[in-house]
Amino acid sequence: MDIKMIFELLGGLGLFIYGMHMMGGGLQKAAGEKLKRILEVLTSNRVLAILVGALVTAIIQSSSATTVMTVGFVNAGLMNLYQAAGVIMGANIGTTMTAQLIAFKLTDIAPLVLAIGAAMLMFSNKKKTKDIGEIVFGFGVLFVGMKMMEHSMKPLVKMDEFRNLIITLGNHPILGVLVGLGMTAVVQSSSATIGILQALAGLNAMPLGVALPILFGDNIGTCVTAMLASIGASKNARRASLTHLSFNVIGTLIFMAILPIVVKLIPLLGGDIKRQIANAHTIFNLTNVIIQAPFIPLLVKWVKWLIPGEEKEANAMTLEHLDSRLLETPSIAVGQVVKEVSRMGKIASENLTTAMEAFFNEDTKLINKVFEVEQVINFLEREITAFMVALSNTSLSEHDSEIVTSLFHVVNDIERIGDHADNIAELAQYRIDNKLIFSDDAIRELHEIYSVAKYAVDSAVEALHDFDFTKAQKVLEAEGKIDMMEKQLRNEHIERLNKGICMTTSGTIFLDLISNIERIGDHSNNIAQMVLDFKE
């Protein structure tokens, strides 16, 4: 094996993986919104979960990416193990699409496909056309890489060492499984190693009986990516990656037990050796899903036995909906950011309630609680912002990119609402320390303006979570009311001060309070306006 051959093989493999990645990126951008909706459809219904896994993998062109994303969802507590098992099984079906595409022998027209894709990318100003151009160009790159791999491996056929290796693998199928496992563990893509397998078989360098054990090993090797991704994750996330491994190991054991029958049956479906390998890959995964799907509860029990113990209770200082693994699928990650920002908004709203109750009831315990929760809000602001910076550097559609840009401002507005709740708690502490007395009228007025502000914050957070334009519009109306109330209460309070009904120090605190509440209304208005900006 000379150095030129190795370089050409590595170059072809690099192009193949890059083409697949580019194709998946383009597909994901073109189907971003649909991808989010597909995932929202997911329920505890195992058939639906399997279909979702297959569809998402067909779009993003990588079962490893789907499984890593699933580990992320389980780690973020958004998916239970039963759902995850279904998605993982579906991902194994979805990944067979690449091998089926390769079997179409489109290497001769790959340069033309490249030219069309390049033209769409370079000369079109439309975002949708550019996304489709990315898919077409990636498709072309994939087949150019395939052609390079095939060309690089031609000399192998004539080598005695390679022939002897094939004979050895034919006599010891278990070695073939280990070879496939090792190759995929190194390359981190079963589609790429199956592509190499198809290229070799296409040169008549490898009979089907030798190719199939390697193919089964490839399916086990693809689990390595998710296993690595689950390091440092929650117990359930580690169990999800172990479910993937268990599924493929069980499948391989079943198929290795009936290998002679499979070798005889696959050619009956027709097609050349490349198509036979693609068909074997599809049948392997489909059959395994049919056999194992009814036993998902047992599979979950098995992984819980392997990784025993209960999950630790979630800490407030954690991200519930975000996980770095979700960056593998940017369009889905955007939806998760909206959920996490909404969660931050709810925490800020609850803290506002706690702060006002601390003021009305002169409760020191509640004041301390406000200060503690303010730390959580600051933590969420830092972590969500850092996640969004990473997300901005991924392959986002124009619409998703605009959402992320707007969310930077929303996070800042929510953090400021948290700061105002903190200010109110400090005013409550000042009231307690200085034994300040407020008139019944002042307390009643504070209750009135606070209730409108609370409605504005809650409605703004709900409008953001659901992109509800009606609720967002109501926030704008509430904010106008708060502004009017603030001016009126300020004037009335100054009148009370002039008449000597209220103490001067209490009056200053009252004015500070309504000023903080008015600013909370402004920040709620900003959040609602961001939602309305996306109204078509």
Protein backbone atom coordinates (compact mmCIF):
# COMPACT_ATOMS: atom_id res chain seq x y z
CA MET A 1 0.00 0.00 0.00
CA ASP A 2 1.82 3.15 -1.20
CA ILE A 3 1.57 6.64 0.34
CA LYS A 4 -0.33 8.07 -2.67
CA MET A 5 -3.08 5.50 -2.21
CA ILE A 6 -3.43 6.34 1.53
CA PHE A 7 -3.59 10.09 0.78
CA GLU A 8 -6.24 9.56 -1.91
CA LEU A 9 -8.30 7.32 0.40
CA LEU A 10 -8.12 9.86 3.25
CA GLY A 11 -8.95 12.74 0.89
CA GLY A 12 -11.92 10.84 -0.51
CA LEU A 13 -13.10 9.94 3.00
CA GLY A 14 -12.77 13.59 4.07
CA LEU A 15 -14.82 14.78 1.08
CA PHE A 16 -17.43 12.06 1.70
CA ILE A 17 -17.92 13.07 5.37
CA TYR A 18 -17.87 16.80 4.51
CA GLY A 19 -20.42 16.29 1.72
CA MET A 20 -22.68 14.35 4.08
CA HIS A 21 -22.33 17.07 6.74
CA MET A 22 -23.05 19.82 4.19
CA MET A 23 -26.09 17.96 2.85
CA GLY A 24 -27.43 17.54 6.39
CA GLY A 25 -26.80 21.22 7.21
CA GLY A 26 -28.68 22.35 4.09
CA LEU A 27 -31.55 19.95 4.75
CA GLN A 28 -31.77 21.11 8.34
CA LYS A 29 -31.88 24.80 7.37
CA ALA A 30 -34.49 24.13 4.67
CA ALA A 31 -36.63 22.08 7.07
CA GLY A 32 -35.83 23.96 10.32
CA GLU A 33 -39.39 24.79 11.37
CA LYS A 34 -40.67 21.36 10.29
CA LEU A 35 -37.88 19.70 12.30
CA LYS A 36 -39.04 21.54 15.44
CA ARG A 37 -42.65 20.52 14.85
CA ILE A 38 -41.61 16.88 14.23
CA LEU A 39 -39.94 16.80 17.64
CA GLU A 40 -42.89 18.50 19.36
CA VAL A 41 -45.13 15.68 18.06
CA LEU A 42 -43.11 13.23 20.13
CA THR A 43 -45.12 11.47 22.81
CA SER A 44 -44.66 8.36 24.93
CA ASN A 45 -46.06 6.42 21.95
CA ARG A 46 -43.10 4.24 20.93
CA VAL A 47 -44.19 4.00 17.26
CA LEU A 48 -44.28 7.81 16.99
CA ALA A 49 -40.89 8.06 18.72
CA ILE A 50 -39.40 5.59 16.20
CA LEU A 51 -40.86 7.56 13.27
CA VAL A 52 -39.51 10.83 14.70
CA GLY A 53 -36.02 9.30 15.10
CA ALA A 54 -36.07 8.03 11.50
CA LEU A 55 -37.31 11.36 10.08
CA VAL A 56 -34.88 13.55 12.04
CA THR A 57 -31.93 11.29 11.07
CA ALA A 58 -32.98 11.32 7.41
CA ILE A 59 -32.90 15.15 7.60
CA ILE A 60 -29.65 15.64 9.52
CA GLN A 61 -27.91 12.70 7.80
CA SER A 62 -26.33 11.25 10.93
CA SER A 63 -27.64 8.72 13.43
CA SER A 64 -24.75 9.70 15.73
CA ALA A 65 -25.98 13.34 15.73
CA THR A 66 -29.56 12.23 16.47
CA THR A 67 -28.40 9.96 19.30
CA VAL A 68 -26.12 12.67 20.76
CA MET A 69 -29.06 15.10 20.55
CA THR A 70 -31.30 12.53 22.28
CA VAL A 71 -28.70 12.15 25.06
CA GLY A 72 -28.87 15.96 25.36
CA PHE A 73 -32.67 15.93 25.60
CA VAL A 74 -32.58 13.21 28.28
CA ASN A 75 -29.88 15.15 30.15
CA ALA A 76 -32.06 18.29 30.01
CA GLY A 77 -35.00 16.26 31.35
CA LEU A 78 -37.09 16.80 28.20
CA MET A 79 -37.33 13.17 27.23
CA ASN A 80 -37.69 10.02 29.29
CA LEU A 81 -35.81 6.77 28.59
CA TYR A 82 -38.81 5.14 26.90
CA GLN A 83 -39.08 7.99 24.38
CA ALA A 84 -35.29 8.06 23.93
CA ALA A 85 -35.19 4.32 23.17
CA GLY A 86 -37.79 4.81 20.42
CA VAL A 87 -35.95 7.78 18.89
CA ILE A 88 -32.64 5.87 18.94
CA MET A 89 -34.23 2.87 17.21
CA GLY A 90 -35.71 5.20 14.59
CA ALA A 91 -32.32 6.87 14.09
CA ASN A 92 -30.88 3.49 13.09
CA ILE A 93 -33.51 3.24 10.32
CA GLY A 94 -32.96 6.84 9.15
CA THR A 95 -29.20 6.37 8.78
CA THR A 96 -29.68 3.64 6.14
CA MET A 97 -30.70 6.33 3.62
CA THR A 98 -27.06 7.29 2.92
CA ALA A 99 -26.08 3.73 1.94
CA GLN A 100 -29.14 3.52 -0.33
CA LEU A 101 -28.13 6.81 -2.02
CA ILE A 102 -24.56 5.54 -2.59
CA ALA A 103 -25.93 2.40 -4.28
CA PHE A 104 -27.42 4.54 -7.08
CA LYS A 105 -23.92 4.83 -8.65
CA LEU A 106 -24.13 8.54 -9.34
CA THR A 107 -20.34 9.06 -9.26
CA ASP A 108 -20.21 9.79 -13.02
CA ILE A 109 -22.63 12.73 -12.79
CA ALA A 110 -21.16 14.05 -9.49
CA PRO A 111 -19.18 16.89 -11.24
CA LEU A 112 -22.41 18.12 -12.89
CA VAL A 113 -24.24 17.98 -9.53
CA LEU A 114 -21.35 19.98 -8.00
CA ALA A 115 -21.58 22.60 -10.75
CA ILE A 116 -25.36 23.01 -10.26
CA GLY A 117 -24.95 23.27 -6.47
CA ALA A 118 -22.10 25.79 -6.80
CA ALA A 119 -24.15 27.92 -9.24
CA MET A 120 -27.11 27.97 -6.82
CA LEU A 121 -24.83 28.97 -3.93
CA MET A 122 -22.92 31.67 -5.85
CA PHE A 123 -25.51 33.31 -8.06
CA SER A 124 -28.75 33.19 -6.06
CA ASN A 125 -29.73 35.86 -3.54
CA LYS A 126 -32.70 33.88 -2.19
CA LYS A 127 -32.05 32.16 1.14
CA LYS A 128 -34.22 29.14 0.23
CA THR A 129 -32.34 28.62 -3.07
CA LYS A 130 -29.00 28.84 -1.23
CA ASP A 131 -30.18 26.19 1.27
CA ILE A 132 -31.19 23.87 -1.61
CA GLY A 133 -27.85 24.70 -3.30
CA GLU A 134 -26.06 23.57 -0.15
CA ILE A 135 -27.94 20.24 -0.25
CA VAL A 136 -27.13 19.73 -3.96
CA PHE A 137 -23.46 20.75 -3.54
CA GLY A 138 -23.08 18.46 -0.49
CA PHE A 139 -24.64 15.63 -2.53
CA GLY A 140 -22.05 16.22 -5.28
CA VAL A 141 -19.13 16.39 -2.82
CA LEU A 142 -20.28 13.10 -1.23
CA PHE A 143 -20.12 11.29 -4.60
CA VAL A 144 -16.80 12.89 -5.61
CA GLY A 145 -15.41 11.59 -2.30
CA MET A 146 -16.93 8.16 -3.07
CA LYS A 147 -15.26 8.12 -6.51
CA MET A 148 -11.89 9.06 -4.96
CA MET A 149 -12.20 6.25 -2.39
CA GLU A 150 -13.06 3.71 -5.12
CA HIS A 151 -10.12 4.85 -7.27
CA SER A 152 -7.67 4.79 -4.34
CA MET A 153 -8.60 1.19 -3.43
CA LYS A 154 -8.25 -0.33 -6.91
CA PRO A 155 -4.62 -1.46 -6.28
CA LEU A 156 -5.80 -3.37 -3.17
CA VAL A 157 -7.55 -5.98 -5.32
CA LYS A 158 -4.23 -7.17 -6.75
CA MET A 159 -2.42 -7.38 -3.40
CA ASP A 160 -1.88 -10.88 -1.98
CA GLU A 161 -1.94 -9.53 1.60
CA PHE A 162 -5.40 -8.04 1.06
CA ARG A 163 -6.72 -11.25 -0.53
CA ASN A 164 -5.40 -13.24 2.43
CA LEU A 165 -7.10 -10.79 4.82
CA ILE A 166 -10.44 -11.28 3.00
CA ILE A 167 -10.04 -15.09 3.22
CA THR A 168 -9.28 -14.80 6.98
CA LEU A 169 -12.34 -12.57 7.55
CA GLY A 170 -14.45 -15.03 5.54
CA ASN A 171 -13.32 -17.90 7.78
CA HIS A 172 -13.73 -15.90 11.02
CA PRO A 173 -16.81 -13.62 10.73
CA ILE A 174 -16.40 -12.38 14.32
CA LEU A 175 -13.16 -10.68 13.19
CA GLY A 176 -15.21 -8.83 10.56
CA VAL A 177 -17.49 -7.48 13.30
CA LEU A 178 -14.43 -6.23 15.22
CA VAL A 179 -12.96 -4.62 12.07
CA GLY A 180 -16.25 -2.77 11.40
CA LEU A 181 -16.50 -1.70 15.04
CA GLY A 182 -12.92 -0.39 15.07
CA MET A 183 -13.24 1.47 11.74
CA THR A 184 -16.44 3.29 12.76
CA ALA A 185 -15.12 4.08 16.25
CA VAL A 186 -12.14 5.84 14.61
CA VAL A 187 -14.02 7.61 11.78
CA GLN A 188 -17.08 8.41 14.01
CA SER A 189 -19.49 7.82 11.13
CA SER A 190 -21.07 4.49 10.19
CA SER A 191 -22.21 5.99 6.85
CA ALA A 192 -18.58 6.70 5.94
CA THR A 193 -17.32 3.21 6.82
CA ILE A 194 -20.28 1.61 5.00
CA GLY A 195 -19.33 3.84 2.04
CA ILE A 196 -15.80 2.36 2.11
CA LEU A 197 -17.35 -1.11 2.32
CA GLN A 198 -19.53 -0.40 -0.73
CA ALA A 199 -16.53 1.01 -2.62
CA LEU A 200 -14.48 -2.15 -1.94
CA ALA A 201 -17.38 -4.45 -2.83
CA GLY A 202 -17.93 -2.46 -6.03
CA LEU A 203 -14.38 -3.39 -7.10
CA ASN A 204 -15.22 -7.12 -6.56
CA ALA A 205 -12.67 -7.06 -3.75
CA MET A 206 -15.06 -8.25 -1.06
CA PRO A 207 -17.84 -10.89 -1.21
CA LEU A 208 -21.14 -10.31 0.60
CA GLY A 209 -20.36 -12.97 3.24
CA VAL A 210 -17.29 -10.96 4.35
CA ALA A 211 -18.96 -7.53 4.01
CA LEU A 212 -21.98 -8.29 6.24
CA PRO A 213 -20.14 -8.96 9.56
CA ILE A 214 -18.14 -5.72 8.98
CA LEU A 215 -21.46 -3.95 8.31
CA PHE A 216 -22.90 -5.25 11.60
CA GLY A 217 -19.74 -4.12 13.40
CA ASP A 218 -20.16 -0.64 11.86
CA ASN A 219 -23.55 -0.38 13.58
CA ILE A 220 -21.94 -1.10 16.97
CA GLY A 221 -19.06 1.33 16.28
CA THR A 222 -21.46 4.22 15.68
CA CYS A 223 -22.49 4.01 19.36
CA VAL A 224 -19.06 5.29 20.42
CA THR A 225 -19.99 8.90 19.56
CA ALA A 226 -23.02 8.89 21.89
CA MET A 227 -21.08 7.02 24.59
CA LEU A 228 -18.41 9.77 24.53
CA ALA A 229 -21.12 12.47 24.51
CA SER A 230 -22.72 11.01 27.65
CA ILE A 231 -19.53 11.33 29.74
CA GLY A 232 -20.25 13.77 32.56
CA ALA A 233 -23.98 13.77 31.78
CA SER A 234 -26.85 12.66 34.04
CA LYS A 235 -27.48 8.99 34.81
CA ASN A 236 -30.44 8.91 32.43
CA ALA A 237 -28.35 10.43 29.63
CA ARG A 238 -25.71 7.71 30.14
CA ARG A 239 -28.51 5.12 30.13
CA ALA A 240 -29.77 6.54 26.79
CA SER A 241 -26.35 6.05 25.15
CA LEU A 242 -26.18 2.53 26.66
CA THR A 243 -29.62 1.80 25.15
CA HIS A 244 -28.13 2.60 21.72
CA LEU A 245 -25.21 0.25 22.33
CA SER A 246 -27.47 -2.54 23.70
CA PHE A 247 -29.83 -2.25 20.70
CA ASN A 248 -27.02 -2.68 18.16
CA VAL A 249 -25.19 -5.43 20.07
CA ILE A 250 -28.42 -7.47 20.41
CA GLY A 251 -29.14 -6.92 16.71
CA THR A 252 -25.64 -8.02 15.72
CA LEU A 253 -25.91 -11.19 17.85
CA ILE A 254 -29.24 -12.06 16.18
CA PHE A 255 -27.91 -11.51 12.64
CA MET A 256 -24.58 -13.23 13.25
CA ALA A 257 -26.52 -16.30 14.46
CA ILE A 258 -28.34 -16.49 11.10
CA LEU A 259 -25.50 -15.12 8.91
CA PRO A 260 -25.51 -17.99 6.33
CA ILE A 261 -29.29 -17.49 5.79
CA VAL A 262 -28.89 -13.68 5.43
CA VAL A 263 -26.06 -14.12 2.87
CA LYS A 264 -28.37 -16.32 0.75
CA LEU A 265 -31.50 -14.13 1.12
CA ILE A 266 -30.07 -10.64 0.39
CA PRO A 267 -29.09 -11.35 -3.28
CA LEU A 268 -32.69 -12.50 -3.94
CA LEU A 269 -33.78 -8.84 -3.59
CA GLY A 270 -31.73 -8.05 -6.72
CA GLY A 271 -29.22 -5.30 -7.47
CA ASP A 272 -25.43 -5.30 -7.61
CA ILE A 273 -23.19 -5.84 -4.56
CA LYS A 274 -23.41 -2.16 -3.54
CA ARG A 275 -27.21 -2.29 -3.51
CA GLN A 276 -27.09 -5.63 -1.65
CA ILE A 277 -24.97 -4.04 1.13
CA ALA A 278 -27.39 -1.06 1.29
CA ASN A 279 -30.37 -3.45 1.45
CA ALA A 280 -28.67 -5.55 4.15
CA HIS A 281 -28.09 -2.39 6.19
CA THR A 282 -31.76 -1.36 5.88
CA ILE A 283 -33.05 -4.88 6.64
CA PHE A 284 -30.68 -5.21 9.64
CA ASN A 285 -32.02 -2.03 11.24
CA LEU A 286 -35.67 -2.49 10.28
CA THR A 287 -35.75 -6.07 11.54
CA ASN A 288 -34.05 -5.09 14.80
CA VAL A 289 -36.58 -2.35 15.42
CA ILE A 290 -39.49 -4.73 14.73
CA ILE A 291 -37.99 -7.36 17.07
CA GLN A 292 -36.85 -5.03 19.87
CA ALA A 293 -39.48 -2.23 19.92
CA PRO A 294 -42.04 -4.33 21.87
CA PHE A 295 -39.33 -4.92 24.50
CA ILE A 296 -38.46 -1.24 25.14
CA PRO A 297 -39.60 -1.51 28.81
CA LEU A 298 -37.21 -4.47 29.28
CA LEU A 299 -34.41 -2.56 27.53
CA VAL A 300 -34.97 0.37 29.91
CA LYS A 301 -34.92 -2.02 32.93
CA TRP A 302 -31.67 -3.52 31.59
CA VAL A 303 -29.85 -0.15 31.31
CA LYS A 304 -31.18 0.91 34.73
CA TRP A 305 -29.73 -2.30 36.16
CA LEU A 306 -26.37 -1.57 34.47
CA ILE A 307 -26.40 2.06 35.77
CA PRO A 308 -28.30 1.85 39.09
CA GLY A 309 -29.44 4.65 41.37
CA GLU A 310 -31.81 7.61 41.23
CA GLU A 311 -31.18 10.98 39.62
CA LYS A 312 -30.15 13.76 41.98
CA GLU A 313 -32.76 16.47 42.43
CA ALA A 314 -32.34 19.28 39.92
CA ASN A 315 -30.46 22.28 41.24
CA ALA A 316 -31.92 25.74 40.52
CA MET A 317 -28.46 26.72 39.26
CA THR A 318 -28.83 24.51 36.18
CA LEU A 319 -30.14 24.86 32.66
CA GLU A 320 -33.29 22.74 32.36
CA HIS A 321 -33.83 22.92 28.60
CA LEU A 322 -30.33 23.47 27.23
CA ASP A 323 -27.41 21.13 26.73
CA SER A 324 -24.33 21.66 24.55
CA ARG A 325 -25.18 18.44 22.65
CA LEU A 326 -28.26 20.22 21.23
CA LEU A 327 -25.92 22.38 19.11
CA GLU A 328 -25.76 19.34 16.80
CA THR A 329 -29.26 20.35 15.62
CA PRO A 330 -29.41 24.18 15.65
CA SER A 331 -33.06 24.48 14.56
CA ILE A 332 -34.16 22.39 17.56
CA ALA A 333 -31.73 24.20 19.88
CA VAL A 334 -33.44 27.53 19.03
CA GLY A 335 -36.77 26.16 20.29
CA GLN A 336 -35.05 24.99 23.47
CA VAL A 337 -33.52 28.46 24.03
CA VAL A 338 -37.02 29.99 23.84
CA LYS A 339 -38.14 27.49 26.53
CA GLU A 340 -35.14 28.26 28.77
CA VAL A 341 -35.58 32.03 28.40
CA SER A 342 -39.29 31.61 29.22
CA ARG A 343 -38.29 29.63 32.32
CA MET A 344 -35.96 32.47 33.33
CA GLY A 345 -38.87 34.89 32.82
CA LYS A 346 -41.13 32.84 35.10
CA ILE A 347 -38.45 32.80 37.82
CA ALA A 348 -38.06 36.60 37.52
CA SER A 349 -41.85 37.05 37.72
CA GLU A 350 -42.08 34.84 40.83
CA ASN A 351 -39.24 36.83 42.39
CA LEU A 352 -41.15 40.06 41.76
CA THR A 353 -44.13 38.57 43.65
CA THR A 354 -41.83 37.50 46.53
CA ALA A 355 -40.28 41.00 46.69
CA MET A 356 -43.69 42.76 46.79
CA GLU A 357 -44.98 40.33 49.46
CA ALA A 358 -41.79 41.00 51.46
CA PHE A 359 -42.57 44.73 51.25
CA PHE A 360 -46.28 44.46 52.11
CA ASN A 361 -45.76 41.92 54.95
CA GLU A 362 -42.39 43.29 56.16
CA ASP A 363 -40.95 39.75 55.96
CA THR A 364 -37.16 39.40 56.28
CA LYS A 365 -37.20 35.72 55.21
CA LEU A 366 -38.84 36.65 51.90
CA ILE A 367 -36.27 39.44 51.38
CA ASN A 368 -33.43 36.91 51.73
CA LYS A 369 -35.23 34.57 49.32
CA VAL A 370 -35.36 37.38 46.72
CA PHE A 371 -31.59 37.88 47.01
CA GLU A 372 -30.98 34.12 46.59
CA VAL A 373 -33.22 33.85 43.51
CA GLU A 374 -31.54 36.93 42.00
CA GLN A 375 -28.30 34.88 41.95
CA VAL A 376 -30.13 32.16 39.97
CA ILE A 377 -31.41 34.76 37.47
CA ASN A 378 -27.88 36.14 37.01
CA PHE A 379 -26.56 32.59 36.51
CA LEU A 380 -29.23 31.88 33.87
CA GLU A 381 -28.43 35.14 32.07
CA ARG A 382 -24.72 34.21 31.81
CA GLU A 383 -25.32 30.59 30.77
CA ILE A 384 -28.13 31.26 28.26
CA THR A 385 -26.09 34.07 26.68
CA ALA A 386 -23.03 31.80 26.37
CA PHE A 387 -25.20 29.07 24.78
CA MET A 388 -26.69 31.57 22.31
CA VAL A 389 -23.22 32.83 21.33
CA ALA A 390 -22.26 29.20 20.49
CA LEU A 391 -25.59 28.72 18.69
CA SER A 392 -25.03 31.88 16.60
CA ASN A 393 -21.87 30.29 15.20
CA THR A 394 -23.74 27.23 13.90
CA SER A 395 -25.59 26.77 10.62
CA LEU A 396 -28.87 28.63 11.34
CA SER A 397 -31.68 29.54 8.95
CA GLU A 398 -32.37 33.28 8.51
CA HIS A 399 -35.55 33.07 10.63
CA ASP A 400 -33.81 31.19 13.47
CA SER A 401 -30.87 33.61 13.36
CA GLU A 402 -33.28 36.55 13.81
CA ILE A 403 -34.94 34.79 16.79
CA VAL A 404 -31.57 34.22 18.51
CA THR A 405 -30.50 37.85 17.93
CA SER A 406 -33.79 39.07 19.46
CA LEU A 407 -33.45 36.68 22.41
CA PHE A 408 -30.16 38.34 23.44
CA HIS A 409 -32.23 41.49 24.16
CA VAL A 410 -35.01 39.51 25.86
CA VAL A 411 -32.55 37.83 28.26
CA ASN A 412 -31.24 41.29 29.15
CA ASP A 413 -34.78 42.58 29.77
CA ILE A 414 -35.62 39.62 32.04
CA GLU A 415 -32.37 40.12 33.96
CA ARG A 416 -33.33 43.78 34.48
CA ILE A 417 -36.79 42.71 35.78
CA GLY A 418 -34.85 40.54 38.27
CA ASP A 419 -32.74 43.56 39.25
CA HIS A 420 -35.86 45.65 39.90
CA ALA A 421 -37.28 42.85 42.11
CA ASP A 422 -33.94 42.97 43.96
CA ASN A 423 -34.29 46.77 44.35
CA ILE A 424 -37.84 46.32 45.75
CA ALA A 425 -36.48 43.78 48.31
CA GLU A 426 -33.87 46.35 49.37
CA LEU A 427 -36.64 48.95 49.79
CA ALA A 428 -38.55 46.39 51.91
CA GLN A 429 -35.45 45.93 54.07
CA TYR A 430 -35.14 49.72 54.45
CA ARG A 431 -38.81 49.90 55.48
CA ILE A 432 -38.24 47.24 58.19
CA ASP A 433 -34.96 48.75 59.44
CA ASN A 434 -36.45 52.25 59.73
CA LYS A 435 -39.94 51.14 60.90
CA LEU A 436 -41.58 53.19 58.15
CA ILE A 437 -45.36 53.59 58.16
CA PHE A 438 -47.43 53.87 54.96
CA SER A 439 -51.00 55.11 54.70
CA ASP A 440 -53.76 52.71 53.65
CA ASP A 441 -54.16 54.71 50.43
CA ALA A 442 -50.46 54.28 49.58
CA ILE A 443 -50.58 50.52 50.17
CA ARG A 444 -53.79 50.18 48.12
CA GLU A 445 -52.23 52.14 45.23
CA LEU A 446 -49.08 49.99 45.35
CA HIS A 447 -51.25 46.84 45.16
CA GLU A 448 -53.07 48.27 42.13
CA ILE A 449 -49.99 49.22 40.07
CA TYR A 450 -48.17 46.01 41.06
CA SER A 451 -51.09 43.80 39.91
CA VAL A 452 -50.99 45.43 36.43
CA ALA A 453 -47.19 45.04 36.25
CA LYS A 454 -47.41 41.40 37.35
CA TYR A 455 -50.02 40.78 34.61
CA ALA A 456 -47.68 42.46 32.07
CA VAL A 457 -44.66 40.30 33.05
CA ASP A 458 -46.61 37.03 33.07
CA SER A 459 -48.32 37.82 29.75
CA ALA A 460 -44.98 38.80 28.16
CA VAL A 461 -43.39 35.49 29.24
CA GLU A 462 -46.40 33.49 27.99
CA ALA A 463 -46.40 35.44 24.70
CA LEU A 464 -42.71 34.58 24.26
CA HIS A 465 -43.16 30.88 25.12
CA ASP A 466 -46.02 30.38 22.65
CA PHE A 467 -45.27 33.29 20.25
CA ASP A 468 -48.80 34.44 21.10
CA PHE A 469 -49.38 37.79 19.33
CA THR A 470 -52.72 38.46 21.10
CA LYS A 471 -51.07 38.21 24.54
CA ALA A 472 -48.14 40.34 23.35
CA GLN A 473 -50.59 43.06 22.26
CA LYS A 474 -52.24 42.97 25.71
CA VAL A 475 -48.82 43.59 27.32
CA LEU A 476 -48.46 46.80 25.28
CA GLU A 477 -51.88 47.94 26.53
CA ALA A 478 -50.95 47.05 30.15
CA GLU A 479 -47.67 48.96 29.86
CA GLY A 480 -49.56 52.08 28.73
CA LYS A 481 -51.82 51.72 31.76
CA ILE A 482 -48.78 51.36 34.11
CA ASP A 483 -47.26 54.59 32.71
CA MET A 484 -50.52 56.47 33.33
CA MET A 485 -50.87 55.02 36.84
CA GLU A 486 -47.27 55.87 37.72
CA LYS A 487 -47.77 59.55 36.78
CA GLN A 488 -51.11 59.72 38.62
CA LEU A 489 -49.79 57.99 41.76
CA ARG A 490 -46.69 60.21 41.78
CA ASN A 491 -48.86 63.37 41.69
CA GLU A 492 -51.32 62.08 44.30
CA HIS A 493 -48.49 61.04 46.61
CA ILE A 494 -46.80 64.44 46.36
CA GLU A 495 -50.17 65.94 47.33
CA ARG A 496 -50.31 63.67 50.42
CA LEU A 497 -46.76 64.72 51.34
CA ASN A 498 -47.72 68.39 51.04
CA LYS A 499 -50.74 67.80 53.30
CA GLY A 500 -48.55 65.96 55.84
CA ILE A 501 -50.55 62.70 55.55
CA CYS A 502 -47.37 60.70 54.72
CA MET A 503 -43.87 60.82 56.21
CA THR A 504 -41.16 62.26 53.94
CA THR A 505 -38.97 59.12 54.17
CA SER A 506 -41.93 56.86 53.41
CA GLY A 507 -42.78 59.12 50.49
CA THR A 508 -39.32 58.70 48.96
CA ILE A 509 -39.57 54.90 49.28
CA PHE A 510 -43.06 54.98 47.71
CA LEU A 511 -41.79 56.97 44.71
CA ASP A 512 -38.80 54.61 44.32
CA LEU A 513 -41.17 51.63 44.40
CA ILE A 514 -43.54 52.90 41.70
CA SER A 515 -40.50 53.92 39.61
CA ASN A 516 -39.14 50.33 39.78
CA ILE A 517 -42.58 48.91 38.92
CA GLU A 518 -42.87 51.30 35.94
CA ARG A 519 -39.46 50.12 34.64
CA ILE A 520 -40.64 46.50 34.99
CA GLY A 521 -43.56 47.45 32.73
CA ASP A 522 -41.09 48.88 30.16
CA HIS A 523 -39.04 45.66 30.08
CA SER A 524 -42.22 43.56 29.71
CA ASN A 525 -43.17 45.82 26.81
CA ASN A 526 -39.78 45.16 25.16
CA ILE A 527 -40.30 41.38 25.38
CA ALA A 528 -43.81 41.64 23.91
CA GLN A 529 -42.54 43.91 21.12
CA MET A 530 -39.90 41.28 20.20
CA VAL A 531 -42.70 38.71 19.79
CA LEU A 532 -44.80 41.11 17.68
CA ASP A 533 -41.79 41.78 15.42
CA PHE A 534 -42.19 38.18 14.20
CA LYS A 535 -45.85 38.67 13.29
CA GLU A 536 -46.18 38.06 9.57
